[in-house]
C-alpha atoms as a PDB file:
ATOM      1  CA  MET A   1      70.082 -95.279  64.551  1.00  0.00           C
ATOM      2  CA  SER A   2      68.127 -98.904  63.981  1.00  0.00           C
ATOM      3  CA  TYR A   3      67.633-100.598  60.415  1.00  0.00           C
ATOM      4  CA  GLY A   4      64.245 -99.100  60.320  1.00  0.00           C
ATOM      5  CA  ASP A   5      65.464 -95.598  60.949  1.00  0.00           C
ATOM      6  CA  ALA A   6      68.569 -96.044  58.911  1.00  0.00           C
ATOM      7  CA  MET A   7      66.329 -96.692  55.705  1.00  0.00           C
ATOM      8  CA  SER A   8      63.481 -94.011  56.433  1.00  0.00           C
ATOM      9  CA  ALA A   9      66.691 -91.453  56.665  1.00  0.00           C
ATOM     10  CA  ARG A  10      67.943 -92.874  52.987  1.00  0.00           C
ATOM     11  CA  THR A  11      64.158 -93.086  51.352  1.00  0.00           C
ATOM     12  CA  ARG A  12      63.920 -89.162  52.235  1.00  0.00           C
ATOM     13  CA  SER A  13      67.242 -88.470  51.033  1.00  0.00           C
ATOM     14  CA  GLU A  14      66.566 -90.306  47.935  1.00  0.00           C
ATOM     15  CA  GLU A  15      62.674 -88.272  47.983  1.00  0.00           C
ATOM     16  CA  ARG A  16      64.436 -84.968  48.557  1.00  0.00           C
ATOM     17  CA  ARG A  17      66.782 -85.548  45.572  1.00  0.00           C
ATOM     18  CA  ALA A  18      64.434 -85.913  43.363  1.00  0.00           C
ATOM     19  CA  GLU A  19      62.602 -82.774  43.979  1.00  0.00           C
ATOM     20  CA  ILE A  20      66.026 -81.032  43.382  1.00  0.00           C
ATOM     21  CA  VAL A  21      66.466 -82.759  40.122  1.00  0.00           C
ATOM     22  CA  ARG A  22      62.822 -82.226  38.883  1.00  0.00           C
ATOM     23  CA  ALA A  23      63.333 -77.936  40.461  1.00  0.00           C
ATOM     24  CA  ALA A  24      66.438 -77.869  38.747  1.00  0.00           C
ATOM     25  CA  LEU A  25      64.775 -79.456  35.401  1.00  0.00           C
ATOM     26  CA  GLU A  26      62.523 -76.291  35.475  1.00  0.00           C
ATOM     27  CA  VAL A  27      64.717 -73.662  36.369  1.00  0.00           C
ATOM     28  CA  ILE A  28      67.265 -74.800  33.635  1.00  0.00           C
ATOM     29  CA  ALA A  29      64.711 -74.923  30.814  1.00  0.00           C
ATOM     30  CA  GLU A  30      63.606 -71.539  31.957  1.00  0.00           C
ATOM     31  CA  ARG A  31      67.058 -70.116  32.167  1.00  0.00           C
ATOM     32  CA  GLY A  32      68.921 -72.547  30.635  1.00  0.00           C
ATOM     33  CA  TYR A  33      72.233 -73.952  32.637  1.00  0.00           C
ATOM     34  CA  ARG A  34      74.398 -70.903  32.814  1.00  0.00           C
ATOM     35  CA  GLY A  35      71.228 -68.792  33.372  1.00  0.00           C
ATOM     36  CA  ALA A  36      69.924 -71.310  36.622  1.00  0.00           C
ATOM     37  CA  SER A  37      71.895 -71.016  39.585  1.00  0.00           C
ATOM     38  CA  LEU A  38      71.792 -73.371  42.818  1.00  0.00           C
ATOM     39  CA  ALA A  39      70.154 -70.699  44.843  1.00  0.00           C
ATOM     40  CA  ALA A  40      67.168 -70.494  42.508  1.00  0.00           C
ATOM     41  CA  VAL A  41      67.204 -74.648  42.268  1.00  0.00           C
ATOM     42  CA  ALA A  42      67.071 -74.556  46.248  1.00  0.00           C
ATOM     43  CA  GLU A  43      64.842 -72.058  46.724  1.00  0.00           C
ATOM     44  CA  ARG A  44      62.245 -73.506  44.379  1.00  0.00           C
ATOM     45  CA  VAL A  45      62.528 -76.429  46.621  1.00  0.00           C
ATOM     46  CA  GLY A  46      62.275 -74.663  49.339  1.00  0.00           C
ATOM     47  CA  LEU A  47      66.050 -75.309  51.092  1.00  0.00           C
ATOM     48  CA  THR A  48      69.185 -72.976  51.223  1.00  0.00           C
ATOM     49  CA  GLN A  49      71.895 -73.220  49.130  1.00  0.00           C
ATOM     50  CA  GLN A  50      73.925 -75.249  51.577  1.00  0.00           C
ATOM     51  CA  GLY A  51      70.766 -77.604  51.865  1.00  0.00           C
ATOM     52  CA  LEU A  52      71.429 -78.400  48.262  1.00  0.00           C
ATOM     53  CA  LEU A  53      74.928 -78.054  48.655  1.00  0.00           C
ATOM     54  CA  HIS A  54      74.230 -81.399  51.110  1.00  0.00           C
ATOM     55  CA  HIS A  55      72.373 -83.297  47.969  1.00  0.00           C
ATOM     56  CA  PHE A  56      74.592 -82.307  45.165  1.00  0.00           C
ATOM     57  CA  PRO A  57      78.426 -80.507  45.620  1.00  0.00           C
ATOM     58  CA  THR A  58      78.253 -79.091  42.229  1.00  0.00           C
ATOM     59  CA  LYS A  59      76.464 -77.332  39.922  1.00  0.00           C
ATOM     60  CA  ASP A  60      77.784 -79.683  37.800  1.00  0.00           C
ATOM     61  CA  ALA A  61      77.082 -82.690  39.719  1.00  0.00           C
ATOM     62  CA  LEU A  62      73.357 -81.444  39.534  1.00  0.00           C
ATOM     63  CA  LEU A  63      73.527 -81.082  35.865  1.00  0.00           C
ATOM     64  CA  VAL A  64      74.831 -84.879  35.588  1.00  0.00           C
ATOM     65  CA  ALA A  65      71.677 -86.075  37.869  1.00  0.00           C
ATOM     66  CA  VAL A  66      69.319 -84.331  35.852  1.00  0.00           C
ATOM     67  CA  LEU A  67      70.762 -85.108  32.598  1.00  0.00           C
ATOM     68  CA  GLU A  68      71.000 -89.009  33.841  1.00  0.00           C
ATOM     69  CA  GLU A  69      67.288 -88.596  35.135  1.00  0.00           C
ATOM     70  CA  ARG A  70      66.355 -87.710  31.381  1.00  0.00           C
ATOM     71  CA  ASP A  71      68.251 -90.853  29.876  1.00  0.00           C
ATOM     72  CA  LYS A  72      66.006 -92.666  32.083  1.00  0.00           C
ATOM     73  CA  TRP A  73      62.834 -91.503  30.858  1.00  0.00           C
ATOM     74  CA  ASP A  74      63.930 -92.663  27.333  1.00  0.00           C
ATOM     75  CA  ALA A  75      65.204 -95.822  28.399  1.00  0.00           C
ATOM     76  CA  VAL A  76      64.649 -98.739  26.300  1.00  0.00           C
ATOM     77  CA  PRO A  77      63.989-102.865  26.748  1.00  0.00           C
ATOM     78  CA  ASN A  78      67.557-104.206  26.259  1.00  0.00           C
ATOM     79  CA  GLY A  79      69.138-100.864  25.552  1.00  0.00           C
ATOM     80  CA  THR A  80      68.095-101.545  21.842  1.00  0.00           C
ATOM     81  CA  TRP A  81      65.822 -99.069  19.221  1.00  0.00           C
ATOM     82  CA  ARG A  82      63.242-100.276  17.091  1.00  0.00           C
ATOM     83  CA  VAL A  83      62.402 -98.455  14.235  1.00  0.00           C
ATOM     84  CA  ASP A  84      58.641 -98.910  14.483  1.00  0.00           C
ATOM     85  CA  LEU A  85      58.601 -97.294  18.656  1.00  0.00           C
ATOM     86  CA  LEU A  86      60.576 -94.655  17.595  1.00  0.00           C
ATOM     87  CA  ALA A  87      57.612 -92.536  16.072  1.00  0.00           C
ATOM     88  CA  SER A  88      55.833 -94.147  19.671  1.00  0.00           C
ATOM     89  CA  LEU A  89      58.846 -91.911  21.695  1.00  0.00           C
ATOM     90  CA  VAL A  90      58.516 -88.537  19.659  1.00  0.00           C
ATOM     91  CA  GLU A  91      54.989 -88.893  20.802  1.00  0.00           C
ATOM     92  CA  TYR A  92      55.459 -89.660  24.275  1.00  0.00           C
ATOM     93  CA  ASN A  93      58.212 -86.588  23.985  1.00  0.00           C
ATOM     94  CA  ALA A  94      55.299 -84.512  22.537  1.00  0.00           C
ATOM     95  CA  MET A  95      53.284 -84.967  26.200  1.00  0.00           C
ATOM     96  CA  ARG A  96      56.944 -83.898  28.155  1.00  0.00           C
ATOM     97  CA  PRO A  97      57.298 -80.107  27.150  1.00  0.00           C
ATOM     98  CA  GLY A  98      59.307 -79.484  30.151  1.00  0.00           C
ATOM     99  CA  ILE A  99      61.959 -82.194  29.603  1.00  0.00           C
ATOM    100  CA  ILE A 100      62.660 -81.589  26.036  1.00  0.00           C
ATOM    101  CA  GLN A 101      62.935 -77.896  26.957  1.00  0.00           C
ATOM    102  CA  THR A 102      65.649 -79.092  29.406  1.00  0.00           C
ATOM    103  CA  PHE A 103      67.321 -81.229  26.655  1.00  0.00           C
ATOM    104  CA  SER A 104      67.025 -78.274  24.303  1.00  0.00           C
ATOM    105  CA  ALA A 105      68.180 -75.938  26.432  1.00  0.00           C
ATOM    106  CA  LEU A 106      71.351 -78.039  27.401  1.00  0.00           C
ATOM    107  CA  LEU A 107      72.126 -79.343  24.503  1.00  0.00           C
ATOM    108  CA  GLY A 108      72.434 -76.043  22.547  1.00  0.00           C
ATOM    109  CA  GLU A 109      74.576 -74.582  25.102  1.00  0.00           C
ATOM    110  CA  SER A 110      76.735 -77.750  25.509  1.00  0.00           C
ATOM    111  CA  VAL A 111      78.430 -76.823  21.894  1.00  0.00           C
ATOM    112  CA  THR A 112      80.012 -73.656  23.437  1.00  0.00           C
ATOM    113  CA  GLU A 113      83.862 -74.126  25.092  1.00  0.00           C
ATOM    114  CA  GLY A 114      84.286 -75.716  28.392  1.00  0.00           C
ATOM    115  CA  HIS A 115      80.428 -76.324  28.962  1.00  0.00           C
ATOM    116  CA  PRO A 116      80.273 -79.180  31.478  1.00  0.00           C
ATOM    117  CA  ALA A 117      77.425 -80.795  29.651  1.00  0.00           C
ATOM    118  CA  ARG A 118      79.454 -80.844  26.651  1.00  0.00           C
ATOM    119  CA  GLU A 119      81.088 -84.465  26.655  1.00  0.00           C
ATOM    120  CA  TYR A 120      77.593 -85.968  28.145  1.00  0.00           C
ATOM    121  CA  PHE A 121      76.345 -84.505  24.540  1.00  0.00           C
ATOM    122  CA  THR A 122      79.299 -85.552  22.618  1.00  0.00           C
ATOM    123  CA  ASP A 123      79.180 -89.328  24.083  1.00  0.00           C
ATOM    124  CA  ARG A 124      75.327 -89.381  23.540  1.00  0.00           C
ATOM    125  CA  TYR A 125      75.371 -88.739  20.171  1.00  0.00           C
ATOM    126  CA  THR A 126      78.003 -91.235  19.411  1.00  0.00           C
ATOM    127  CA  ARG A 127      75.623 -93.663  21.425  1.00  0.00           C
ATOM    128  CA  VAL A 128      72.318 -92.632  19.650  1.00  0.00           C
ATOM    129  CA  ARG A 129      73.983 -93.192  16.063  1.00  0.00           C
ATOM    130  CA  GLU A 130      75.173 -96.253  16.862  1.00  0.00           C
ATOM    131  CA  SER A 131      71.648 -97.720  18.131  1.00  0.00           C
ATOM    132  CA  MET A 132      70.043 -95.476  15.293  1.00  0.00           C
ATOM    133  CA  ALA A 133      72.057 -97.585  12.701  1.00  0.00           C
ATOM    134  CA  VAL A 134      72.172-101.059  14.501  1.00  0.00           C
ATOM    135  CA  ALA A 135      67.735-100.556  14.943  1.00  0.00           C
ATOM    136  CA  LEU A 136      67.689 -99.762  10.815  1.00  0.00           C
ATOM    137  CA  ARG A 137      70.277-102.313   9.971  1.00  0.00           C
ATOM    138  CA  ALA A 138      67.407-104.764  11.998  1.00  0.00           C
ATOM    139  CA  GLU A 139      64.740-103.385   9.910  1.00  0.00           C
ATOM    140  CA  TYR A 140      66.005-102.991   6.205  1.00  0.00           C
ATOM    141  CA  GLY A 141      69.663-104.711   6.115  1.00  0.00           C
ATOM    142  CA  ASP A 142      72.677-103.368   4.762  1.00  0.00           C
ATOM    143  CA  ARG A 143      70.854-100.723   2.569  1.00  0.00           C
ATOM    144  CA  LEU A 144      67.711 -98.422   3.293  1.00  0.00           C
ATOM    145  CA  PRO A 145      65.338 -98.149   0.051  1.00  0.00           C
ATOM    146  CA  GLY A 146      67.216 -94.953  -0.707  1.00  0.00           C
ATOM    147  CA  GLY A 147      69.995 -96.865  -1.177  1.00  0.00           C
ATOM    148  CA  LEU A 148      72.141 -95.388   1.748  1.00  0.00           C
ATOM    149  CA  SER A 149      73.910 -97.495   4.952  1.00  0.00           C
ATOM    150  CA  PRO A 150      72.352 -97.227   8.374  1.00  0.00           C
ATOM    151  CA  GLU A 151      75.366 -95.715   9.781  1.00  0.00           C
ATOM    152  CA  ARG A 152      75.048 -93.092   6.670  1.00  0.00           C
ATOM    153  CA  THR A 153      70.781 -92.699   7.846  1.00  0.00           C
ATOM    154  CA  ALA A 154      72.013 -92.467  11.415  1.00  0.00           C
ATOM    155  CA  PRO A 155      72.555 -89.099  11.850  1.00  0.00           C
ATOM    156  CA  LEU A 156      69.897 -87.620   9.702  1.00  0.00           C
ATOM    157  CA  LEU A 157      67.665 -89.623  11.673  1.00  0.00           C
ATOM    158  CA  VAL A 158      68.504 -87.982  14.986  1.00  0.00           C
ATOM    159  CA  ALA A 159      68.946 -85.112  13.491  1.00  0.00           C
ATOM    160  CA  VAL A 160      65.298 -85.120  12.702  1.00  0.00           C
ATOM    161  CA  MET A 161      64.170 -86.415  15.770  1.00  0.00           C
ATOM    162  CA  ASP A 162      66.477 -83.280  17.435  1.00  0.00           C
ATOM    163  CA  GLY A 163      65.129 -80.577  14.674  1.00  0.00           C
ATOM    164  CA  LEU A 164      61.601 -81.261  15.044  1.00  0.00           C
ATOM    165  CA  GLN A 165      61.512 -81.043  18.878  1.00  0.00           C
ATOM    166  CA  TYR A 166      62.940 -77.299  17.944  1.00  0.00           C
ATOM    167  CA  GLN A 167      60.610 -76.269  15.894  1.00  0.00           C
ATOM    168  CA  TRP A 168      57.810 -77.622  18.044  1.00  0.00           C
ATOM    169  CA  LEU A 169      59.046 -75.895  21.147  1.00  0.00           C
ATOM    170  CA  LEU A 170      59.266 -72.990  19.253  1.00  0.00           C
ATOM    171  CA  ASP A 171      56.099 -73.121  17.593  1.00  0.00           C
ATOM    172  CA  PRO A 172      53.646 -75.901  18.945  1.00  0.00           C
ATOM    173  CA  GLU A 173      50.505 -74.811  17.244  1.00  0.00           C
ATOM    174  CA  SER A 174      51.908 -75.287  13.486  1.00  0.00           C
ATOM    175  CA  VAL A 175      54.535 -78.171  14.197  1.00  0.00           C
ATOM    176  CA  ASP A 176      52.785 -81.603  14.571  1.00  0.00           C
ATOM    177  CA  MET A 177      55.977 -83.295  16.402  1.00  0.00           C
ATOM    178  CA  PRO A 178      54.464 -86.487  16.054  1.00  0.00           C
ATOM    179  CA  GLY A 179      52.917 -86.334  12.662  1.00  0.00           C
ATOM    180  CA  ALA A 180      56.104 -85.163  10.988  1.00  0.00           C
ATOM    181  CA  PHE A 181      58.003 -87.502  12.555  1.00  0.00           C
ATOM    182  CA  ARG A 182      55.821 -90.393  11.013  1.00  0.00           C
ATOM    183  CA  ASP A 183      55.793 -88.664   7.821  1.00  0.00           C
ATOM    184  CA  PHE A 184      60.324 -88.685   7.695  1.00  0.00           C
ATOM    185  CA  LEU A 185      59.531 -92.771   8.430  1.00  0.00           C
ATOM    186  CA  ARG A 186      57.387 -93.006   5.440  1.00  0.00           C
ATOM    187  CA  LEU A 187      60.267 -91.312   3.252  1.00  0.00           C
ATOM    188  CA  LEU A 188      62.885 -94.112   4.775  1.00  0.00           C
ATOM    189  CA  GLY A 189      60.185 -96.686   3.464  1.00  0.00           C
ATOM    190  CA  GLU A 190      59.058 -97.598   6.808  1.00  0.00           C
ATOM    191  CA  PRO A 191      55.305 -98.813   7.302  1.00  0.00           C
ATOM    192  CA  VAL A 192      53.362 -96.201   9.314  1.00  0.00           C
ATOM    193  CA  ASP A 193      49.799 -96.374  10.853  1.00  0.00           C
END
């Protein structure tokens, strides 16, 4: 096999993997992780289950790929959040309900014992709280206008972001997720446009 053929095969494989991950996102959003089957994902991309297993040997391996893909979409330059950019992230999330639905379904299921995403979400929330505390400290110093430290405020900030997502998914006509988050930033003392 020539170098060009090998590169072309690799590109096709990467494209197929991306297609499978997108299909898995859709199926998980519709059915939750426990209700999603490899057969349903394979059918959605026009593969047999064996064909899908060539790319993802287990359902857990596919779940990890889905979660990693979602994290790429929320990546920030230098890995550091700024408080003023969080409202933009919430607005961006409002434009991708399928991703938010998948994330929320997996998050909700992950609290059960033995769920394959439990460790991922536990680690993710530790990192997110730490990065939010850093962002809050950069904006406000060691004390926010209400007197709390960035470390005490970070879990509240994350809870508001995730809680708004659930409310918005349940009733998007009644919940203005970006507007409500901007209101929360105003409570923190952050001027918002």
